[in-house]
Amino acid sequence: MTVNVPFPTCPDCHGPLTLQYDADLNDTKYVYCLNAECSYDGISAGSVVSKEGQPARGWPRQNIDGRPVPWLAPIIGDRVAWASLNSGRLDEADQRRLCQVCGCSLASNPSAWIAVSQGEVAAGGAMHRRCMHLARTVCPELRNDLTYVFVEVHQSERANDWEAALARLTAYEERHGPIPRLLPLHA
């Protein structure tokens, strides 16, 4: 799918910005000013994204470059900054308890899921169970980094204070040993 989202300008010099993709990963978190004299460089793609042309809420997810685009992923120009998060949407998801994948409310669900790696909750927050399965399947970091596990969080734990969920994970591992890092993927 081709998108036509206006590319933002540099917040400092108002010159053109560009995404520079890592050839090995075909991904980026940053935009760069093309003005060699401008010092505003390596800007988080999620902080300069416009509201126009961003992924819609709900299902099915919009596909770009053969991948479903999470609601929090910023679209810059005609590309997705896959490794970045739309900072405005991230704040909205935190405040309104929205799923990072589909952008819909988590409020009516008794529980949601978070990705945890080495005791740290991954950026982006909670997800619906269906969205967690999609993220595990298509997100290269969640699929390939075997340190990630997914932890169920309850309605009362959703204020981005994941201490209770992490305590349950730690207690489980103390009783049963480390959770296997390679889990079967079920869609």
Protein backbone atom coordinates (compact mmCIF):
# COMPACT_ATOMS: atom_id res chain seq x y z
CA MET A 1 0.00 0.00 0.00
CA THR A 2 1.27 3.47 -0.84
CA VAL A 3 0.65 6.30 1.57
CA ASN A 4 0.86 9.99 0.86
CA VAL A 5 1.58 11.74 4.14
CA PRO A 6 3.31 15.13 4.00
CA PHE A 7 6.87 14.87 5.25
CA PRO A 8 7.43 17.14 8.26
CA THR A 9 10.02 19.90 8.25
CA CYS A 10 12.85 20.38 10.72
CA PRO A 11 11.58 22.03 13.91
CA ASP A 12 14.77 24.11 14.09
CA CYS A 13 15.58 25.37 10.56
CA HIS A 14 12.34 24.33 8.78
CA GLY A 15 14.43 22.53 6.19
CA PRO A 16 13.59 19.08 4.82
CA LEU A 17 13.86 15.97 6.99
CA THR A 18 14.56 12.43 5.85
CA LEU A 19 14.37 8.95 7.29
CA GLN A 20 17.61 7.00 7.04
CA TYR A 21 16.87 3.30 7.11
CA ASP A 22 19.38 0.79 8.40
CA ALA A 23 20.00 -1.44 5.38
CA ASP A 24 20.25 -4.60 7.50
CA LEU A 25 17.13 -3.94 9.56
CA ASN A 26 15.11 -1.89 7.05
CA ASP A 27 14.11 0.21 10.02
CA THR A 28 14.72 3.48 11.79
CA LYS A 29 13.75 5.41 14.90
CA TYR A 30 15.05 8.77 13.74
CA VAL A 31 14.63 11.48 11.13
CA TYR A 32 17.54 13.63 10.05
CA CYS A 33 17.72 17.22 8.83
CA LEU A 34 19.12 17.48 5.29
CA ASN A 35 20.54 20.93 6.04
CA ALA A 36 24.22 20.19 6.84
CA GLU A 37 24.48 23.42 8.87
CA CYS A 38 21.53 22.58 11.12
CA SER A 39 22.41 21.01 14.47
CA TYR A 40 18.93 19.53 14.97
CA ASP A 41 19.74 15.99 13.89
CA GLY A 42 18.73 12.48 14.87
CA ILE A 43 15.23 13.51 15.95
CA SER A 44 12.86 10.81 17.16
CA ALA A 45 10.51 10.08 14.27
CA GLY A 46 7.60 9.89 16.68
CA SER A 47 8.11 13.46 17.87
CA VAL A 48 7.81 15.15 14.46
CA VAL A 49 5.00 13.12 12.93
CA SER A 50 1.89 14.94 11.74
CA LYS A 51 -1.61 13.84 12.77
CA GLU A 52 -2.57 13.43 9.12
CA GLY A 53 -2.17 10.04 7.47
CA GLN A 54 -1.49 8.03 10.61
CA PRO A 55 -2.87 4.50 11.11
CA ALA A 56 -6.58 4.34 11.98
CA ARG A 57 -7.94 2.65 15.09
CA GLY A 58 -9.35 -0.85 15.05
CA TRP A 59 -9.16 -3.86 12.78
CA PRO A 60 -8.11 -4.81 10.21
CA ARG A 61 -4.73 -3.12 10.56
CA GLN A 62 -3.44 -1.07 7.62
CA ASN A 63 -0.63 -2.86 5.76
CA ILE A 64 2.48 -1.06 4.49
CA ASP A 65 5.52 -2.87 3.11
CA GLY A 66 3.70 -6.16 3.68
CA ARG A 67 3.32 -5.63 7.45
CA PRO A 68 0.35 -4.55 9.57
CA VAL A 69 1.02 -1.09 11.01
CA PRO A 70 0.46 -0.68 14.77
CA TRP A 71 -1.57 2.34 15.85
CA LEU A 72 1.49 3.75 17.66
CA ALA A 73 3.87 3.44 14.68
CA PRO A 74 4.54 6.81 13.02
CA ILE A 75 4.12 7.13 9.27
CA ILE A 76 6.55 9.71 7.92
CA GLY A 77 6.19 10.64 4.26
CA ASP A 78 5.54 7.33 2.52
CA ARG A 79 7.38 5.12 5.03
CA VAL A 80 6.78 3.70 8.49
CA ALA A 81 9.34 4.34 11.21
CA TRP A 82 8.82 0.81 12.55
CA ALA A 83 11.18 1.10 15.51
CA SER A 84 9.73 4.37 16.75
CA LEU A 85 6.55 5.33 18.61
CA ASN A 86 4.27 8.28 17.85
CA SER A 87 4.85 10.33 21.01
CA GLY A 88 1.47 12.10 20.87
CA ARG A 89 -0.35 8.79 20.51
CA LEU A 90 1.80 7.22 23.23
CA ASP A 91 0.65 9.92 25.66
CA GLU A 92 -2.96 9.40 24.56
CA ALA A 93 -2.66 5.62 25.02
CA ASP A 94 -1.26 6.14 28.54
CA GLN A 95 -3.96 8.63 29.55
CA ARG A 96 -6.94 6.87 27.97
CA ARG A 97 -5.83 3.22 28.41
CA LEU A 98 -5.65 2.42 24.72
CA CYS A 99 -4.09 -0.60 23.03
CA GLN A 100 -0.76 0.17 21.37
CA VAL A 101 -1.55 -2.08 18.40
CA CYS A 102 -5.15 -1.22 17.47
CA GLY A 103 -5.67 2.08 19.34
CA CYS A 104 -8.97 0.92 20.84
CA SER A 105 -9.89 1.14 24.51
CA LEU A 106 -8.73 -1.47 26.99
CA ALA A 107 -11.17 -0.21 29.63
CA SER A 108 -13.87 -2.82 29.01
CA ASN A 109 -11.45 -5.76 29.16
CA PRO A 110 -10.74 -7.35 32.55
CA SER A 111 -7.09 -7.81 31.53
CA ALA A 112 -4.54 -6.90 28.88
CA TRP A 113 -0.98 -7.93 28.02
CA ILE A 114 2.43 -6.27 28.25
CA ALA A 115 5.76 -7.34 26.76
CA VAL A 116 8.52 -7.72 29.36
CA SER A 117 12.22 -8.23 28.69
CA GLN A 118 14.74 -8.67 31.50
CA GLY A 119 12.41 -7.12 34.06
CA GLU A 120 11.59 -4.06 31.94
CA VAL A 121 8.23 -3.37 30.32
CA ALA A 122 8.58 -2.65 26.61
CA ALA A 123 7.61 0.84 25.47
CA GLY A 124 4.10 1.28 24.17
CA GLY A 125 2.10 -0.15 27.02
CA ALA A 126 -0.62 -2.77 27.12
CA MET A 127 -2.41 -4.66 24.33
CA HIS A 128 -5.53 -6.72 23.81
CA ARG A 129 -4.91 -10.48 23.69
CA ARG A 130 -5.62 -10.54 19.92
CA CYS A 131 -3.24 -7.62 19.38
CA MET A 132 -0.55 -9.28 21.49
CA HIS A 133 -0.70 -12.33 19.22
CA LEU A 134 -0.34 -10.11 16.14
CA ALA A 135 2.59 -8.22 17.71
CA ARG A 136 4.36 -11.49 18.65
CA THR A 137 3.95 -12.73 15.11
CA VAL A 138 4.90 -9.70 12.99
CA CYS A 139 7.10 -7.43 15.13
CA PRO A 140 10.72 -8.45 14.44
CA GLU A 141 11.93 -7.38 17.88
CA LEU A 142 9.22 -9.25 19.78
CA ARG A 143 9.52 -12.27 17.49
CA ASN A 144 13.32 -12.51 17.41
CA ASP A 145 14.43 -11.28 20.84
CA LEU A 146 13.97 -14.38 22.95
CA THR A 147 14.14 -12.42 26.22
CA TYR A 148 10.58 -11.13 25.74
CA VAL A 149 7.72 -12.73 27.65
CA PHE A 150 4.13 -11.52 27.74
CA VAL A 151 2.50 -10.85 31.08
CA GLU A 152 -1.21 -10.49 31.72
CA VAL A 153 -2.11 -7.31 33.61
CA HIS A 154 -5.38 -6.72 35.37
CA GLN A 155 -7.66 -3.70 35.07
CA SER A 156 -6.40 -2.25 38.37
CA GLU A 157 -2.76 -2.45 37.17
CA ARG A 158 -3.19 -0.43 34.03
CA ALA A 159 -1.98 2.96 35.19
CA ASN A 160 1.48 2.17 33.80
CA ASP A 161 2.54 1.00 37.23
CA TRP A 162 3.35 -2.58 36.35
CA GLU A 163 4.82 -3.49 39.74
CA ALA A 164 2.09 -6.04 40.58
CA ALA A 165 2.43 -7.77 37.19
CA LEU A 166 6.23 -7.88 37.45
CA ALA A 167 5.98 -9.20 41.02
CA ARG A 168 3.72 -12.03 39.79
CA LEU A 169 6.22 -12.83 37.03
CA THR A 170 9.13 -12.85 39.49
CA ALA A 171 7.21 -15.01 41.97
CA TYR A 172 6.32 -17.47 39.21
CA GLU A 173 9.95 -17.73 38.09
CA GLU A 174 11.12 -18.19 41.71
CA ARG A 175 8.73 -21.14 42.14
CA HIS A 176 9.07 -22.74 38.71
CA GLY A 177 12.32 -21.48 37.24
CA PRO A 178 12.75 -19.07 34.34
CA ILE A 179 9.96 -18.92 31.81
CA PRO A 180 11.10 -20.52 28.55
CA ARG A 181 12.14 -17.76 26.19
CA LEU A 182 10.99 -19.61 23.09
CA LEU A 183 7.20 -19.90 23.15
CA PRO A 184 5.01 -21.21 20.35
CA LEU A 185 3.22 -18.50 18.41
CA HIS A 186 -0.52 -18.92 18.05
CA ALA A 187 -2.53 -16.45 16.01
